[in-house]
C-alpha atoms as a PDB file:
ATOM      1  CA  MET A   1      99.135  61.077  76.543  1.00  0.00           C
ATOM      2  CA  THR A   2     101.011  58.337  74.675  1.00  0.00           C
ATOM      3  CA  ASP A   3     101.016  54.786  75.849  1.00  0.00           C
ATOM      4  CA  CYS A   4     104.416  54.541  78.179  1.00  0.00           C
ATOM      5  CA  ARG A   5     103.800  50.947  78.397  1.00  0.00           C
ATOM      6  CA  TYR A   6     103.595  50.137  74.508  1.00  0.00           C
ATOM      7  CA  LEU A   7     106.320  52.230  73.697  1.00  0.00           C
ATOM      8  CA  ILE A   8     108.123  50.518  76.555  1.00  0.00           C
ATOM      9  CA  LYS A   9     107.662  47.210  74.984  1.00  0.00           C
ATOM     10  CA  ARG A  10     108.524  48.056  71.447  1.00  0.00           C
ATOM     11  CA  VAL A  11     111.691  48.983  72.627  1.00  0.00           C
ATOM     12  CA  ILE A  12     112.290  45.898  74.408  1.00  0.00           C
ATOM     13  CA  LYS A  13     111.436  44.066  71.466  1.00  0.00           C
ATOM     14  CA  ILE A  14     113.940  46.128  69.435  1.00  0.00           C
ATOM     15  CA  ILE A  15     116.640  45.846  72.341  1.00  0.00           C
ATOM     16  CA  ILE A  16     115.905  41.907  71.814  1.00  0.00           C
ATOM     17  CA  ALA A  17     116.526  41.514  67.951  1.00  0.00           C
ATOM     18  CA  VAL A  18     119.595  43.618  68.450  1.00  0.00           C
ATOM     19  CA  LEU A  19     120.892  40.950  71.028  1.00  0.00           C
ATOM     20  CA  GLN A  20     119.955  38.474  68.847  1.00  0.00           C
ATOM     21  CA  LEU A  21     121.842  39.528  65.946  1.00  0.00           C
ATOM     22  CA  ILE A  22     125.062  39.993  67.885  1.00  0.00           C
ATOM     23  CA  LEU A  23     124.616  36.662  68.988  1.00  0.00           C
ATOM     24  CA  LEU A  24     124.347  35.266  65.399  1.00  0.00           C
ATOM     25  CA  PHE A  25     127.718  37.254  64.993  1.00  0.00           C
ATOM     26  CA  LEU A  26     129.963  36.234  67.707  1.00  0.00           C
END
């Protein structure tokens, strides 16, 4: 079984990075 917590943390980091890029271009 894959570690769900690890995957969730990784997805959250990606989302945060995308949000930061969007804020830079606003």
